Amino acid sequence: MGMFRKIKKSKNFSFPIKFSAVWPIAFATLFLGACQAVNTTAGGAVGIDRTQYMAVSSRQVEQSSAKSYQKTLQEENSKGNLNADAAQVKRIRAIASRIIPQTGVFRPDAPRWAWEVNVISSKTVNAWCMAGGKIAFYTGLLDTLKLSDDEVAAVMGHEIAHALREHSRERASEQMITQLGVAIGGAVLGFGQLGNDALSKAVDVTLSLPHSRQHETEADRIGVELSARAGFNPEAAVTLWEKMGRLSESRPPELLSTHPAPESRIEALRRDATLVYPFYQAANKAR
């Protein structure tokens, strides 16, 4: 039958439905119907203006993040890994204290969030900011890459940008609607479990991963502006990712990665650093 399937409406009548065309339209209709269209932040100088579609409330995500954050802190504290180095904690919190007030450029409510900043002793090369401003830095990131304060600010600005844009909420919304769409699509198209798995993978490659890369790009752009407005050199974002590129000798193709390729990422960061450099200059004149 190829791309068409005959569906009998009566004994003497049938019509073709082009499922390859109907399925994306049906999925899009389902997704948009279940979501609220929002733009979580102002565009800033970097001009982030993408409309987002949310099926999960901010309150739900923030409550979940707060619980998860406290659980992480409790676990790390029981191991003696929480804020073990007073000098590192002081340094990270001092950098955060300069960046957090700048979040108001993108969200007037953000400076009033219940921000928390903690350092976890671990070889893990990572840092993150959960919804509502719950930040964690791992000593592995600081020690392995030998980060300058400007580079720490680049990481922190990037992670804070994820929280400002509510990317975790957006991803949760996408996953909820994707699961629903795959279940409905599998039933309509008559797929078995193997077909549903293949469909889910196809949706992941065409929808979820590109959105993840889009999230990373948005966080890069907002993060560079936040660090510049806080008086940190935005060009440090370039040196940061050059270090990250040297650290990672192998990576999946960009098409199947949740992060942009380092080369294209660095090129974009260099452009944005030039754009926001005047904020860095102005902030240091005012200090």
Protein backbone atom coordinates (compact mmCIF):
# COMPACT_ATOMS: atom_id res chain seq x y z
CA MET A 1 0.00 0.00 0.00
CA GLY A 2 3.05 2.32 0.21
CA MET A 3 2.39 5.65 1.88
CA PHE A 4 -1.36 5.22 1.68
CA ARG A 5 -3.77 3.02 3.53
CA LYS A 6 -7.37 2.36 2.57
CA ILE A 7 -9.86 2.71 5.38
CA LYS A 8 -13.29 1.37 4.67
CA LYS A 9 -16.09 3.62 5.77
CA SER A 10 -18.81 1.39 4.41
CA LYS A 11 -19.12 -1.70 2.29
CA ASN A 12 -19.06 0.27 -0.94
CA PHE A 13 -16.91 3.27 -0.01
CA SER A 14 -13.27 3.79 0.83
CA PHE A 15 -10.89 6.73 0.78
CA PRO A 16 -7.10 7.07 1.06
CA ILE A 17 -5.48 8.80 4.01
CA LYS A 18 -1.89 9.88 3.67
CA PHE A 19 -0.72 9.08 7.18
CA SER A 20 2.76 10.47 6.56
CA ALA A 21 1.12 13.89 6.17
CA VAL A 22 -1.67 13.47 8.74
CA TRP A 23 0.53 12.27 11.61
CA PRO A 24 2.71 15.42 11.95
CA ILE A 25 -0.38 17.64 11.68
CA ALA A 26 -2.26 15.58 14.26
CA PHE A 27 0.70 15.59 16.61
CA ALA A 28 1.19 19.34 16.26
CA THR A 29 -2.51 19.92 16.92
CA LEU A 30 -2.35 17.70 19.99
CA PHE A 31 0.78 19.43 21.27
CA LEU A 32 -0.46 22.98 20.77
CA GLY A 33 -3.91 22.19 22.14
CA ALA A 34 -2.50 20.87 25.38
CA CYS A 35 0.03 23.66 25.91
CA GLN A 36 0.08 27.30 26.87
CA ALA A 37 2.10 29.56 24.58
CA VAL A 38 4.50 31.72 26.61
CA ASN A 39 7.79 33.54 26.37
CA THR A 40 9.42 33.13 29.75
CA THR A 41 11.97 35.90 29.36
CA ALA A 42 12.53 39.27 27.77
CA GLY A 43 14.86 39.13 24.79
CA GLY A 44 17.76 41.10 26.20
CA ALA A 45 20.43 42.48 23.88
CA VAL A 46 21.00 38.99 22.44
CA GLY A 47 17.38 38.88 21.28
CA ILE A 48 15.89 35.64 22.61
CA ASP A 49 12.25 35.75 21.48
CA ARG A 50 11.20 32.14 20.79
CA THR A 51 7.67 31.21 21.80
CA GLN A 52 7.57 28.26 24.21
CA TYR A 53 4.76 25.77 24.76
CA MET A 54 4.13 24.60 28.30
CA ALA A 55 1.83 21.82 29.50
CA VAL A 56 3.28 21.78 33.03
CA SER A 57 3.01 24.66 35.52
CA SER A 58 5.98 26.62 36.86
CA ARG A 59 4.84 25.81 40.39
CA GLN A 60 4.98 22.06 39.74
CA VAL A 61 8.50 22.22 38.35
CA GLU A 62 9.80 24.56 41.06
CA GLN A 63 8.39 22.37 43.84
CA SER A 64 9.91 19.26 42.26
CA SER A 65 13.26 21.03 41.80
CA ALA A 66 13.33 22.26 45.41
CA LYS A 67 12.73 18.72 46.72
CA SER A 68 15.33 17.23 44.41
CA TYR A 69 17.86 19.91 45.35
CA GLN A 70 17.43 19.38 49.08
CA LYS A 71 17.71 15.63 48.61
CA THR A 72 20.98 16.10 46.70
CA LEU A 73 22.37 18.41 49.39
CA GLN A 74 21.43 15.97 52.15
CA GLU A 75 23.08 13.06 50.35
CA GLU A 76 26.26 14.99 49.64
CA ASN A 77 26.38 16.38 53.17
CA SER A 78 26.16 12.86 54.62
CA LYS A 79 29.26 11.99 52.58
CA GLY A 80 31.13 15.10 53.70
CA ASN A 81 31.08 16.50 50.16
CA LEU A 82 28.93 19.57 50.69
CA ASN A 83 30.76 22.92 50.90
CA ALA A 84 33.89 21.23 52.23
CA ASP A 85 36.25 23.94 50.95
CA ALA A 86 35.29 27.29 52.49
CA ALA A 87 37.45 29.27 50.05
CA GLN A 88 35.80 27.69 47.00
CA VAL A 89 32.33 28.25 48.44
CA LYS A 90 33.12 31.90 49.12
CA ARG A 91 34.44 32.33 45.58
CA ILE A 92 31.45 30.72 43.86
CA ARG A 93 28.91 32.58 45.97
CA ALA A 94 30.68 35.89 45.35
CA ILE A 95 30.44 35.36 41.59
CA ALA A 96 26.76 34.40 41.93
CA SER A 97 26.07 37.53 43.99
CA ARG A 98 27.15 39.64 41.02
CA ILE A 99 25.25 37.70 38.38
CA ILE A 100 21.91 37.12 40.14
CA PRO A 101 20.89 40.84 40.22
CA GLN A 102 21.38 40.95 36.43
CA THR A 103 18.69 38.30 35.90
CA GLY A 104 16.11 41.08 36.20
CA VAL A 105 17.03 42.16 32.67
CA PHE A 106 15.40 38.97 31.43
CA ARG A 107 12.86 38.35 34.22
CA PRO A 108 11.82 41.02 36.74
CA ASP A 109 10.82 38.32 39.23
CA ALA A 110 14.09 36.38 39.09
CA PRO A 111 16.23 38.45 41.52
CA ARG A 112 13.63 37.67 44.20
CA TRP A 113 13.80 33.91 43.74
CA ALA A 114 14.95 31.83 46.71
CA TRP A 115 18.45 31.41 45.28
CA GLU A 116 20.80 28.81 46.73
CA VAL A 117 24.44 28.29 45.75
CA ASN A 118 26.44 25.27 46.93
CA VAL A 119 29.66 23.50 46.03
CA ILE A 120 29.92 19.70 45.87
CA SER A 121 33.26 17.96 46.18
CA SER A 122 33.37 15.49 43.30
CA LYS A 123 35.50 14.68 40.26
CA THR A 124 32.40 15.22 38.14
CA VAL A 125 32.93 18.01 35.60
CA ASN A 126 29.53 19.63 35.95
CA ALA A 127 27.41 22.50 37.23
CA TRP A 128 23.68 23.14 37.09
CA CYS A 129 20.90 25.48 38.12
CA MET A 130 17.49 23.98 38.81
CA ALA A 131 14.21 25.80 38.41
CA GLY A 132 13.81 28.61 40.90
CA GLY A 133 17.54 29.30 41.23
CA LYS A 134 19.02 26.19 42.89
CA ILE A 135 22.69 26.16 41.88
CA ALA A 136 25.36 23.48 42.34
CA PHE A 137 29.00 23.61 41.25
CA TYR A 138 31.21 20.52 41.30
CA THR A 139 34.85 20.85 42.28
CA GLY A 140 35.75 18.60 39.35
CA LEU A 141 34.72 21.37 36.97
CA LEU A 142 36.74 23.98 38.83
CA ASP A 143 39.85 21.85 39.31
CA THR A 144 40.00 19.94 36.02
CA LEU A 145 39.57 22.99 33.80
CA LYS A 146 41.42 25.42 36.10
CA LEU A 147 38.66 27.98 35.62
CA SER A 148 39.24 31.70 36.03
CA ASP A 149 36.52 33.79 37.70
CA ASP A 150 35.42 34.97 34.26
CA GLU A 151 35.09 31.36 33.09
CA VAL A 152 33.18 30.40 36.25
CA ALA A 153 30.84 33.32 35.47
CA ALA A 154 30.39 31.97 31.93
CA VAL A 155 29.33 28.58 33.30
CA MET A 156 27.09 30.12 35.94
CA GLY A 157 25.44 32.52 33.50
CA HIS A 158 24.72 29.62 31.17
CA GLU A 159 23.18 27.46 33.89
CA ILE A 160 21.13 30.35 35.32
CA ALA A 161 19.83 31.04 31.81
CA HIS A 162 18.35 27.52 31.69
CA ALA A 163 16.37 28.37 34.84
CA LEU A 164 15.28 31.78 33.53
CA ARG A 165 13.99 30.24 30.31
CA GLU A 166 12.37 27.37 32.28
CA HIS A 167 13.90 24.82 29.95
CA SER A 168 13.27 21.97 32.40
CA ARG A 169 9.57 22.87 32.41
CA GLU A 170 9.57 23.00 28.63
CA ARG A 171 11.28 19.62 28.36
CA ALA A 172 8.84 18.09 30.84
CA SER A 173 5.97 19.46 28.75
CA GLU A 174 7.46 18.06 25.54
CA GLN A 175 7.98 14.64 27.06
CA MET A 176 4.44 14.51 28.42
CA ILE A 177 2.91 15.42 25.06
CA THR A 178 5.34 13.20 23.13
CA GLN A 179 4.40 10.15 25.20
CA LEU A 180 0.73 10.88 24.67
CA GLY A 181 1.24 11.44 20.97
CA VAL A 182 3.23 8.23 20.49
CA ALA A 183 0.55 6.22 22.30
CA ILE A 184 -2.22 7.72 20.16
CA GLY A 185 -0.19 7.43 16.96
CA GLY A 186 0.64 3.81 17.63
CA ALA A 187 -3.02 3.00 18.20
CA VAL A 188 -4.21 4.87 15.10
CA LEU A 189 -1.55 3.45 12.80
CA GLY A 190 -1.82 -0.06 14.20
CA PHE A 191 1.82 -0.28 15.29
CA GLY A 192 2.95 -2.96 17.70
CA GLN A 193 5.41 -2.30 20.51
CA LEU A 194 8.37 -2.43 18.10
CA GLY A 195 6.69 0.15 15.89
CA ASN A 196 5.93 2.38 18.88
CA ASP A 197 9.57 2.23 19.96
CA ALA A 198 10.72 3.20 16.46
CA LEU A 199 8.19 6.03 16.33
CA SER A 200 9.31 7.28 19.73
CA LYS A 201 12.94 7.29 18.56
CA ALA A 202 12.02 9.18 15.41
CA VAL A 203 10.17 11.79 17.45
CA ASP A 204 13.17 12.08 19.79
CA VAL A 205 15.59 12.74 16.93
CA THR A 206 13.34 15.20 15.11
CA LEU A 207 11.79 17.01 18.07
CA SER A 208 13.41 16.45 21.44
CA LEU A 209 17.10 16.62 20.55
CA PRO A 210 16.84 19.72 18.36
CA HIS A 211 14.99 21.44 21.18
CA SER A 212 17.76 20.43 23.56
CA ARG A 213 20.35 21.98 21.26
CA GLN A 214 18.11 25.04 20.99
CA HIS A 215 18.00 25.25 24.78
CA GLU A 216 21.79 25.10 24.94
CA THR A 217 22.12 27.87 22.37
CA GLU A 218 19.66 30.08 24.23
CA ALA A 219 21.49 29.45 27.51
CA ASP A 220 24.80 30.32 25.84
CA ARG A 221 23.46 33.62 24.53
CA ILE A 222 21.70 34.72 27.70
CA GLY A 223 24.61 33.51 29.84
CA VAL A 224 27.13 35.62 27.94
CA GLU A 225 24.99 38.71 28.46
CA LEU A 226 24.44 37.99 32.15
CA SER A 227 28.17 37.60 32.81
CA ALA A 228 29.01 40.75 30.83
CA ARG A 229 26.43 42.83 32.71
CA ALA A 230 27.89 41.51 35.98
CA GLY A 231 31.34 42.79 34.99
CA PHE A 232 32.89 39.50 33.85
CA ASN A 233 34.66 39.27 30.51
CA PRO A 234 32.19 37.59 28.10
CA GLU A 235 35.08 36.36 25.96
CA ALA A 236 35.75 33.84 28.73
CA ALA A 237 32.87 31.78 27.33
CA VAL A 238 35.06 31.11 24.30
CA THR A 239 38.08 29.98 26.33
CA LEU A 240 35.78 27.88 28.51
CA TRP A 241 34.48 25.88 25.55
CA GLU A 242 37.93 25.60 24.04
CA LYS A 243 38.95 23.89 27.29
CA MET A 244 35.83 21.72 27.18
CA GLY A 245 36.62 20.75 23.61
CA ARG A 246 40.12 19.60 24.55
CA LEU A 247 38.71 17.65 27.48
CA SER A 248 36.30 15.69 25.31
CA GLU A 249 38.20 13.78 22.64
CA SER A 250 35.15 12.02 21.25
CA ARG A 251 31.52 13.01 20.88
CA PRO A 252 28.45 11.90 18.95
CA PRO A 253 27.49 13.67 15.70
CA GLU A 254 25.80 17.01 16.34
CA LEU A 255 22.58 15.68 14.81
CA LEU A 256 22.25 13.15 17.63
CA SER A 257 23.68 15.29 20.42
CA THR A 258 21.87 17.44 22.94
CA HIS A 259 24.66 19.99 22.70
CA PRO A 260 25.91 21.96 19.69
CA ALA A 261 29.25 20.91 18.25
CA PRO A 262 32.08 22.79 20.03
CA GLU A 263 33.27 24.46 16.82
CA SER A 264 29.90 26.00 15.97
CA ARG A 265 29.28 26.81 19.62
CA ILE A 266 32.55 28.70 19.97
CA GLU A 267 31.92 30.65 16.77
CA ALA A 268 28.48 31.75 18.02
CA LEU A 269 29.83 32.62 21.48
CA ARG A 270 32.55 34.75 19.93
CA ARG A 271 29.91 36.76 18.02
CA ASP A 272 27.74 37.24 21.09
CA ALA A 273 30.71 38.17 23.27
CA THR A 274 31.49 40.99 20.85
CA LEU A 275 27.85 42.10 20.96
CA VAL A 276 27.68 42.35 24.77
CA TYR A 277 31.25 43.50 25.39
CA PRO A 278 30.09 47.13 25.99
CA PHE A 279 28.09 45.90 29.02
CA TYR A 280 31.30 44.44 30.46
CA GLN A 281 33.14 47.72 29.91
CA ALA A 282 30.32 49.76 31.45
CA ALA A 283 30.04 47.47 34.48
CA ASN A 284 33.75 47.80 35.24
CA LYS A 285 33.70 51.58 34.87
CA ALA A 286 30.87 51.72 37.40
CA ARG A 287 32.67 49.53 39.96
